[in-house]
Amino acid sequence: MNKAVKWNLLARNSAALVDPLRYSKPEIVPLYADDLNKFLEVIKGDPLDTVFHVALSLGLREGEILGLRWQDVDLDKRIVRVRGSLQRIDKKLQLVEPKTEKSKRTLPIPDNLLSSFRAHRTKQLEEKLVAGSKWQENGLVFTTSLGTPLSARNVIRSYHRLLAKAKLKRHRFHDLRHSCATFLLAKNIPERTVMEILGHSNISLTMNTYSHVMPEMLRAAAEAMNAVMAGSNVANS
């Protein structure tokens, strides 16, 4: 609209007269240590356990996880390339390009996730043999027993079922991504590194999103400085 005004196609930008709706940011409620241990225990052996491990270990978005292809996962080099996202468009599941270039990223696979990927790969190959001609090959890492893409709705339903089984309060699936970022920041991983892992477009987005971690980080910084100063006093005494 502003460009139309600039090009003399409109006399004024009527949209500028509209009061924007107030946006209330959803509260971030990550799974902390005790709850995380309970959740990890209850997902053992679940058909979607690797899905949850990817969310917690790499902080991928739901669509990025469900859109992972085996060509993007190199188990020998231990890396995952995030190159697309599975989205429902016109009632069909489609693999689409990431919204920004920053969302395209290459991440190292931690040891625990590597073993989970390998076990999942073996299980998927077994399902392919059982399905035979009914198998629908699409190269996706996470599929149904017939090779078709997983529905986000069914993944979330299973996620909430497992939370209830672990006697944990209800969380959004996206909170697994938040849990990953929170743990990294709490372990003093540099903010810019966390930004790259999450695929954020800029550092301010990362810091504004995870400002709840700041008090703990500041406390850790104060304790570290106290240790330095105490050591200095000892050395000078």
C-alpha atoms as a PDB file:
ATOM      1  CA  MET A   1       0.000   0.000   0.000  1.00  0.00           C
ATOM      2  CA  ASN A   2       2.846   2.383   0.820  1.00  0.00           C
ATOM      3  CA  LYS A   3       4.439   1.602  -2.528  1.00  0.00           C
ATOM      4  CA  ALA A   4       1.126   2.315  -4.286  1.00  0.00           C
ATOM      5  CA  VAL A   5       1.066   5.747  -2.625  1.00  0.00           C
ATOM      6  CA  LYS A   6       4.691   6.316  -3.635  1.00  0.00           C
ATOM      7  CA  TRP A   7       3.855   5.413  -7.233  1.00  0.00           C
ATOM      8  CA  ASN A   8       0.801   7.761  -7.195  1.00  0.00           C
ATOM      9  CA  LEU A   9      -1.591   4.867  -7.639  1.00  0.00           C
ATOM     10  CA  LEU A  10      -3.358   5.720  -4.360  1.00  0.00           C
ATOM     11  CA  ALA A  11      -3.929   9.032  -2.618  1.00  0.00           C
ATOM     12  CA  ARG A  12      -3.255   7.555   0.799  1.00  0.00           C
ATOM     13  CA  ASN A  13      -2.610   4.274   2.614  1.00  0.00           C
ATOM     14  CA  SER A  14      -5.914   3.443   4.298  1.00  0.00           C
ATOM     15  CA  ALA A  15      -4.305   0.532   6.135  1.00  0.00           C
ATOM     16  CA  ALA A  16      -2.264   3.018   8.148  1.00  0.00           C
ATOM     17  CA  LEU A  17      -5.501   4.236   9.791  1.00  0.00           C
ATOM     18  CA  VAL A  18      -6.273   0.808  11.250  1.00  0.00           C
ATOM     19  CA  ASP A  19      -5.299   0.119  14.857  1.00  0.00           C
ATOM     20  CA  PRO A  20      -3.293  -3.116  14.952  1.00  0.00           C
ATOM     21  CA  LEU A  21      -4.576  -5.985  17.061  1.00  0.00           C
ATOM     22  CA  ARG A  22      -2.783  -6.543  20.330  1.00  0.00           C
ATOM     23  CA  TYR A  23      -0.571  -9.598  20.167  1.00  0.00           C
ATOM     24  CA  SER A  24      -0.093 -11.662  23.285  1.00  0.00           C
ATOM     25  CA  LYS A  25       3.036 -13.801  23.087  1.00  0.00           C
ATOM     26  CA  PRO A  26       2.417 -17.416  24.132  1.00  0.00           C
ATOM     27  CA  GLU A  27       4.127 -18.279  27.395  1.00  0.00           C
ATOM     28  CA  ILE A  28       7.232 -20.414  26.997  1.00  0.00           C
ATOM     29  CA  VAL A  29       7.020 -23.460  29.254  1.00  0.00           C
ATOM     30  CA  PRO A  30       9.991 -25.747  28.590  1.00  0.00           C
ATOM     31  CA  LEU A  31      10.410 -29.168  30.140  1.00  0.00           C
ATOM     32  CA  TYR A  32      12.964 -28.807  32.904  1.00  0.00           C
ATOM     33  CA  ALA A  33      15.255 -31.552  34.197  1.00  0.00           C
ATOM     34  CA  ASP A  34      12.830 -33.652  36.284  1.00  0.00           C
ATOM     35  CA  ASP A  35       9.976 -33.464  33.778  1.00  0.00           C
ATOM     36  CA  LEU A  36      12.364 -34.117  30.914  1.00  0.00           C
ATOM     37  CA  ASN A  37      13.653 -37.300  32.554  1.00  0.00           C
ATOM     38  CA  LYS A  38      10.077 -38.518  33.037  1.00  0.00           C
ATOM     39  CA  PHE A  39       9.238 -37.759  29.424  1.00  0.00           C
ATOM     40  CA  LEU A  40      12.364 -39.475  28.062  1.00  0.00           C
ATOM     41  CA  GLU A  41      11.548 -42.537  30.136  1.00  0.00           C
ATOM     42  CA  VAL A  42       7.978 -42.805  28.893  1.00  0.00           C
ATOM     43  CA  ILE A  43       8.825 -42.412  25.176  1.00  0.00           C
ATOM     44  CA  LYS A  44      11.214 -45.382  25.179  1.00  0.00           C
ATOM     45  CA  GLY A  45       9.981 -47.865  22.591  1.00  0.00           C
ATOM     46  CA  ASP A  46       7.290 -45.524  21.279  1.00  0.00           C
ATOM     47  CA  PRO A  47       7.024 -45.439  17.449  1.00  0.00           C
ATOM     48  CA  LEU A  48       7.635 -41.668  17.545  1.00  0.00           C
ATOM     49  CA  ASP A  49      10.484 -41.619  20.053  1.00  0.00           C
ATOM     50  CA  THR A  50      13.012 -40.387  17.464  1.00  0.00           C
ATOM     51  CA  VAL A  51      10.680 -37.527  16.494  1.00  0.00           C
ATOM     52  CA  PHE A  52      10.745 -36.290  20.082  1.00  0.00           C
ATOM     53  CA  HIS A  53      14.499 -36.834  20.387  1.00  0.00           C
ATOM     54  CA  VAL A  54      15.091 -34.665  17.319  1.00  0.00           C
ATOM     55  CA  ALA A  55      12.923 -31.873  18.753  1.00  0.00           C
ATOM     56  CA  LEU A  56      14.754 -31.952  22.078  1.00  0.00           C
ATOM     57  CA  SER A  57      18.294 -32.479  20.787  1.00  0.00           C
ATOM     58  CA  LEU A  58      18.284 -30.205  17.732  1.00  0.00           C
ATOM     59  CA  GLY A  59      15.436 -27.797  18.445  1.00  0.00           C
ATOM     60  CA  LEU A  60      13.809 -28.345  15.042  1.00  0.00           C
ATOM     61  CA  ARG A  61      10.316 -27.084  14.366  1.00  0.00           C
ATOM     62  CA  GLU A  62       7.555 -29.649  13.946  1.00  0.00           C
ATOM     63  CA  GLY A  63       7.310 -29.145  10.165  1.00  0.00           C
ATOM     64  CA  GLU A  64      11.095 -29.344   9.819  1.00  0.00           C
ATOM     65  CA  ILE A  65      11.159 -32.675  11.642  1.00  0.00           C
ATOM     66  CA  LEU A  66       8.338 -34.222   9.637  1.00  0.00           C
ATOM     67  CA  GLY A  67       9.907 -32.900   6.424  1.00  0.00           C
ATOM     68  CA  LEU A  68      13.333 -34.462   7.020  1.00  0.00           C
ATOM     69  CA  ARG A  69      14.487 -36.732   4.197  1.00  0.00           C
ATOM     70  CA  TRP A  70      17.108 -39.437   4.472  1.00  0.00           C
ATOM     71  CA  GLN A  71      19.189 -37.546   1.914  1.00  0.00           C
ATOM     72  CA  ASP A  72      19.359 -34.757   4.522  1.00  0.00           C
ATOM     73  CA  VAL A  73      20.591 -37.084   7.277  1.00  0.00           C
ATOM     74  CA  ASP A  74      24.194 -38.280   7.019  1.00  0.00           C
ATOM     75  CA  LEU A  75      24.748 -40.819   9.777  1.00  0.00           C
ATOM     76  CA  ASP A  76      28.396 -41.348   8.800  1.00  0.00           C
ATOM     77  CA  LYS A  77      29.279 -37.654   8.935  1.00  0.00           C
ATOM     78  CA  ARG A  78      26.833 -37.211  11.843  1.00  0.00           C
ATOM     79  CA  ILE A  79      25.013 -34.212  10.413  1.00  0.00           C
ATOM     80  CA  VAL A  80      21.434 -33.184   9.653  1.00  0.00           C
ATOM     81  CA  ARG A  81      20.670 -30.682   6.914  1.00  0.00           C
ATOM     82  CA  VAL A  82      17.448 -28.729   7.423  1.00  0.00           C
ATOM     83  CA  ARG A  83      16.226 -27.926   3.925  1.00  0.00           C
ATOM     84  CA  GLY A  84      12.434 -28.016   4.028  1.00  0.00           C
ATOM     85  CA  SER A  85       9.263 -28.227   6.063  1.00  0.00           C
ATOM     86  CA  LEU A  86       6.216 -30.468   5.746  1.00  0.00           C
ATOM     87  CA  GLN A  87       3.079 -28.320   5.647  1.00  0.00           C
ATOM     88  CA  ARG A  88      -0.601 -28.945   4.937  1.00  0.00           C
ATOM     89  CA  ILE A  89      -1.552 -26.791   1.957  1.00  0.00           C
ATOM     90  CA  ASP A  90      -4.972 -27.099   0.275  1.00  0.00           C
ATOM     91  CA  LYS A  91      -5.632 -30.136   2.462  1.00  0.00           C
ATOM     92  CA  LYS A  92      -2.510 -31.888   1.157  1.00  0.00           C
ATOM     93  CA  LEU A  93       0.811 -32.492   2.899  1.00  0.00           C
ATOM     94  CA  GLN A  94       3.555 -30.813   0.895  1.00  0.00           C
ATOM     95  CA  LEU A  95       7.278 -30.280   1.386  1.00  0.00           C
ATOM     96  CA  VAL A  96       7.989 -26.555   1.129  1.00  0.00           C
ATOM     97  CA  GLU A  97      11.084 -24.385   1.219  1.00  0.00           C
ATOM     98  CA  PRO A  98      12.000 -22.740   4.549  1.00  0.00           C
ATOM     99  CA  LYS A  99      10.646 -19.224   5.042  1.00  0.00           C
ATOM    100  CA  THR A 100      14.113 -17.688   5.400  1.00  0.00           C
ATOM    101  CA  GLU A 101      17.668 -18.562   4.413  1.00  0.00           C
ATOM    102  CA  LYS A 102      18.571 -18.726   8.115  1.00  0.00           C
ATOM    103  CA  SER A 103      16.148 -21.616   8.487  1.00  0.00           C
ATOM    104  CA  LYS A 104      18.380 -23.629   6.150  1.00  0.00           C
ATOM    105  CA  ARG A 105      21.081 -24.997   8.412  1.00  0.00           C
ATOM    106  CA  THR A 106      23.385 -27.957   8.984  1.00  0.00           C
ATOM    107  CA  LEU A 107      23.553 -29.350  12.508  1.00  0.00           C
ATOM    108  CA  PRO A 108      25.770 -31.999  14.149  1.00  0.00           C
ATOM    109  CA  ILE A 109      24.021 -35.085  15.516  1.00  0.00           C
ATOM    110  CA  PRO A 110      24.675 -35.801  19.227  1.00  0.00           C
ATOM    111  CA  ASP A 111      25.603 -39.370  20.199  1.00  0.00           C
ATOM    112  CA  ASN A 112      22.252 -40.229  21.797  1.00  0.00           C
ATOM    113  CA  LEU A 113      20.345 -38.977  18.745  1.00  0.00           C
ATOM    114  CA  LEU A 114      22.666 -40.846  16.382  1.00  0.00           C
ATOM    115  CA  SER A 115      21.780 -44.191  17.960  1.00  0.00           C
ATOM    116  CA  SER A 116      18.092 -43.260  17.866  1.00  0.00           C
ATOM    117  CA  PHE A 117      18.313 -42.406  14.150  1.00  0.00           C
ATOM    118  CA  ARG A 118      20.012 -45.729  13.390  1.00  0.00           C
ATOM    119  CA  ALA A 119      17.421 -47.742  15.296  1.00  0.00           C
ATOM    120  CA  HIS A 120      14.645 -45.826  13.562  1.00  0.00           C
ATOM    121  CA  ARG A 121      16.212 -46.463  10.143  1.00  0.00           C
ATOM    122  CA  THR A 122      16.354 -50.210  10.814  1.00  0.00           C
ATOM    123  CA  LYS A 123      12.733 -50.213  11.973  1.00  0.00           C
ATOM    124  CA  GLN A 124      11.593 -48.306   8.883  1.00  0.00           C
ATOM    125  CA  LEU A 125      13.354 -50.769   6.566  1.00  0.00           C
ATOM    126  CA  GLU A 126      11.593 -53.629   8.354  1.00  0.00           C
ATOM    127  CA  GLU A 127       8.232 -51.876   7.890  1.00  0.00           C
ATOM    128  CA  LYS A 128       9.029 -51.424   4.192  1.00  0.00           C
ATOM    129  CA  LEU A 129       9.634 -55.157   3.794  1.00  0.00           C
ATOM    130  CA  VAL A 130       6.371 -55.990   5.562  1.00  0.00           C
ATOM    131  CA  ALA A 131       4.394 -53.476   3.485  1.00  0.00           C
ATOM    132  CA  GLY A 132       5.798 -54.779   0.194  1.00  0.00           C
ATOM    133  CA  SER A 133       4.023 -53.264  -2.829  1.00  0.00           C
ATOM    134  CA  LYS A 134       1.833 -51.139  -0.541  1.00  0.00           C
ATOM    135  CA  TRP A 135       4.870 -49.079   0.542  1.00  0.00           C
ATOM    136  CA  GLN A 136       4.839 -45.516  -0.813  1.00  0.00           C
ATOM    137  CA  GLU A 137       8.430 -44.350  -1.144  1.00  0.00           C
ATOM    138  CA  ASN A 138       8.961 -40.618  -0.606  1.00  0.00           C
ATOM    139  CA  GLY A 139      12.361 -40.504   1.046  1.00  0.00           C
ATOM    140  CA  LEU A 140      11.032 -39.087   4.319  1.00  0.00           C
ATOM    141  CA  VAL A 141      12.667 -40.050   7.602  1.00  0.00           C
ATOM    142  CA  PHE A 142       9.400 -40.149   9.525  1.00  0.00           C
ATOM    143  CA  THR A 143       6.510 -41.997   7.916  1.00  0.00           C
ATOM    144  CA  THR A 144       3.570 -44.241   8.643  1.00  0.00           C
ATOM    145  CA  SER A 145       3.970 -48.012   8.375  1.00  0.00           C
ATOM    146  CA  LEU A 146       3.114 -47.651   4.674  1.00  0.00           C
ATOM    147  CA  GLY A 147       5.660 -44.926   3.935  1.00  0.00           C
ATOM    148  CA  THR A 148       3.211 -42.029   3.774  1.00  0.00           C
ATOM    149  CA  PRO A 149       4.001 -38.697   5.519  1.00  0.00           C
ATOM    150  CA  LEU A 150       3.081 -38.352   9.168  1.00  0.00           C
ATOM    151  CA  SER A 151       0.217 -36.038  10.017  1.00  0.00           C
ATOM    152  CA  ALA A 152       1.150 -33.314  12.517  1.00  0.00           C
ATOM    153  CA  ARG A 153      -2.236 -33.788  14.158  1.00  0.00           C
ATOM    154  CA  ASN A 154      -1.506 -37.447  14.899  1.00  0.00           C
ATOM    155  CA  VAL A 155       1.996 -36.626  16.176  1.00  0.00           C
ATOM    156  CA  ILE A 156       0.604 -34.041  18.597  1.00  0.00           C
ATOM    157  CA  ARG A 157      -2.097 -36.457  19.736  1.00  0.00           C
ATOM    158  CA  SER A 158       0.570 -39.048  20.559  1.00  0.00           C
ATOM    159  CA  TYR A 159       2.681 -36.384  22.270  1.00  0.00           C
ATOM    160  CA  HIS A 160      -0.145 -35.401  24.612  1.00  0.00           C
ATOM    161  CA  ARG A 161      -0.916 -39.053  25.309  1.00  0.00           C
ATOM    162  CA  LEU A 162       2.691 -39.617  26.389  1.00  0.00           C
ATOM    163  CA  LEU A 163       2.696 -36.500  28.567  1.00  0.00           C
ATOM    164  CA  ALA A 164      -0.405 -37.807  30.328  1.00  0.00           C
ATOM    165  CA  LYS A 165       1.206 -41.234  30.718  1.00  0.00           C
ATOM    166  CA  ALA A 166       4.207 -39.559  32.368  1.00  0.00           C
ATOM    167  CA  LYS A 167       1.777 -37.582  34.578  1.00  0.00           C
ATOM    168  CA  LEU A 168       3.079 -34.284  33.239  1.00  0.00           C
ATOM    169  CA  LYS A 169       1.019 -31.193  32.583  1.00  0.00           C
ATOM    170  CA  ARG A 170       0.014 -30.362  29.034  1.00  0.00           C
ATOM    171  CA  HIS A 171       2.722 -28.765  26.864  1.00  0.00           C
ATOM    172  CA  ARG A 172       2.733 -27.602  23.267  1.00  0.00           C
ATOM    173  CA  PHE A 173       4.873 -29.630  20.888  1.00  0.00           C
ATOM    174  CA  HIS A 174       6.791 -26.409  20.213  1.00  0.00           C
ATOM    175  CA  ASP A 175       7.844 -26.413  23.875  1.00  0.00           C
ATOM    176  CA  LEU A 176      10.253 -29.244  23.039  1.00  0.00           C
ATOM    177  CA  ARG A 177      12.100 -26.779  20.786  1.00  0.00           C
ATOM    178  CA  HIS A 178      11.987 -24.238  23.601  1.00  0.00           C
ATOM    179  CA  SER A 179      13.364 -26.871  25.986  1.00  0.00           C
ATOM    180  CA  CYS A 180      16.351 -27.413  23.705  1.00  0.00           C
ATOM    181  CA  ALA A 181      17.117 -23.683  23.540  1.00  0.00           C
ATOM    182  CA  THR A 182      16.628 -23.193  27.281  1.00  0.00           C
ATOM    183  CA  PHE A 183      19.056 -25.993  28.166  1.00  0.00           C
ATOM    184  CA  LEU A 184      21.671 -24.691  25.739  1.00  0.00           C
ATOM    185  CA  LEU A 185      21.495 -21.157  27.101  1.00  0.00           C
ATOM    186  CA  ALA A 186      21.492 -22.390  30.706  1.00  0.00           C
ATOM    187  CA  LYS A 187      24.682 -24.321  29.894  1.00  0.00           C
ATOM    188  CA  ASN A 188      26.271 -21.048  28.730  1.00  0.00           C
ATOM    189  CA  ILE A 189      26.279 -21.960  25.046  1.00  0.00           C
ATOM    190  CA  PRO A 190      26.825 -18.616  23.224  1.00  0.00           C
ATOM    191  CA  GLU A 191      23.613 -16.880  22.174  1.00  0.00           C
ATOM    192  CA  ARG A 192      24.733 -16.643  18.542  1.00  0.00           C
ATOM    193  CA  THR A 193      25.354 -20.406  18.457  1.00  0.00           C
ATOM    194  CA  VAL A 194      21.855 -21.033  19.805  1.00  0.00           C
ATOM    195  CA  MET A 195      20.511 -18.626  17.178  1.00  0.00           C
ATOM    196  CA  GLU A 196      22.184 -20.673  14.423  1.00  0.00           C
ATOM    197  CA  ILE A 197      20.906 -23.973  15.842  1.00  0.00           C
ATOM    198  CA  LEU A 198      17.326 -22.719  15.989  1.00  0.00           C
ATOM    199  CA  GLY A 199      17.477 -21.034  12.586  1.00  0.00           C
ATOM    200  CA  HIS A 200      16.455 -17.625  13.931  1.00  0.00           C
ATOM    201  CA  SER A 201      16.850 -14.701  11.546  1.00  0.00           C
ATOM    202  CA  ASN A 202      18.662 -12.503  14.097  1.00  0.00           C
ATOM    203  CA  ILE A 203      20.142 -12.581  17.585  1.00  0.00           C
ATOM    204  CA  SER A 204      17.522 -10.236  19.066  1.00  0.00           C
ATOM    205  CA  LEU A 205      14.782 -12.759  18.257  1.00  0.00           C
ATOM    206  CA  THR A 206      16.668 -15.429  20.187  1.00  0.00           C
ATOM    207  CA  MET A 207      17.310 -13.237  23.204  1.00  0.00           C
ATOM    208  CA  ASN A 208      13.791 -11.785  23.310  1.00  0.00           C
ATOM    209  CA  THR A 209      12.255 -15.241  23.030  1.00  0.00           C
ATOM    210  CA  TYR A 210      14.375 -16.736  25.787  1.00  0.00           C
ATOM    211  CA  SER A 211      14.641 -13.808  28.163  1.00  0.00           C
ATOM    212  CA  HIS A 212      13.348 -16.129  30.905  1.00  0.00           C
ATOM    213  CA  VAL A 213      16.782 -17.789  30.942  1.00  0.00           C
ATOM    214  CA  MET A 214      18.604 -14.502  31.534  1.00  0.00           C
ATOM    215  CA  PRO A 215      18.262 -14.360  35.349  1.00  0.00           C
ATOM    216  CA  GLU A 216      19.893 -17.784  35.664  1.00  0.00           C
ATOM    217  CA  MET A 217      22.647 -16.818  33.231  1.00  0.00           C
ATOM    218  CA  LEU A 218      23.299 -13.562  35.079  1.00  0.00           C
ATOM    219  CA  ARG A 219      23.464 -15.435  38.386  1.00  0.00           C
ATOM    220  CA  ALA A 220      25.975 -17.883  36.889  1.00  0.00           C
ATOM    221  CA  ALA A 221      28.024 -14.958  35.567  1.00  0.00           C
ATOM    222  CA  ALA A 222      28.047 -13.340  39.025  1.00  0.00           C
ATOM    223  CA  GLU A 223      29.186 -16.592  40.617  1.00  0.00           C
ATOM    224  CA  ALA A 224      31.938 -16.974  38.022  1.00  0.00           C
ATOM    225  CA  MET A 225      33.127 -13.423  38.671  1.00  0.00           C
ATOM    226  CA  ASN A 226      33.025 -14.059  42.411  1.00  0.00           C
ATOM    227  CA  ALA A 227      35.251 -17.112  41.919  1.00  0.00           C
ATOM    228  CA  VAL A 228      37.712 -15.054  39.861  1.00  0.00           C
ATOM    229  CA  MET A 229      37.856 -12.305  42.464  1.00  0.00           C
ATOM    230  CA  ALA A 230      38.213 -14.801  45.299  1.00  0.00           C
ATOM    231  CA  GLY A 231      41.107 -16.413  43.470  1.00  0.00           C
ATOM    232  CA  SER A 232      42.715 -13.007  42.982  1.00  0.00           C
ATOM    233  CA  ASN A 233      42.427 -12.214  46.683  1.00  0.00           C
ATOM    234  CA  VAL A 234      44.013 -15.509  47.600  1.00  0.00           C
ATOM    235  CA  ALA A 235      46.855 -14.959  45.165  1.00  0.00           C
ATOM    236  CA  ASN A 236      47.528 -11.460  46.542  1.00  0.00           C
ATOM    237  CA  SER A 237      47.395 -12.464  50.223  1.00  0.00           C
END
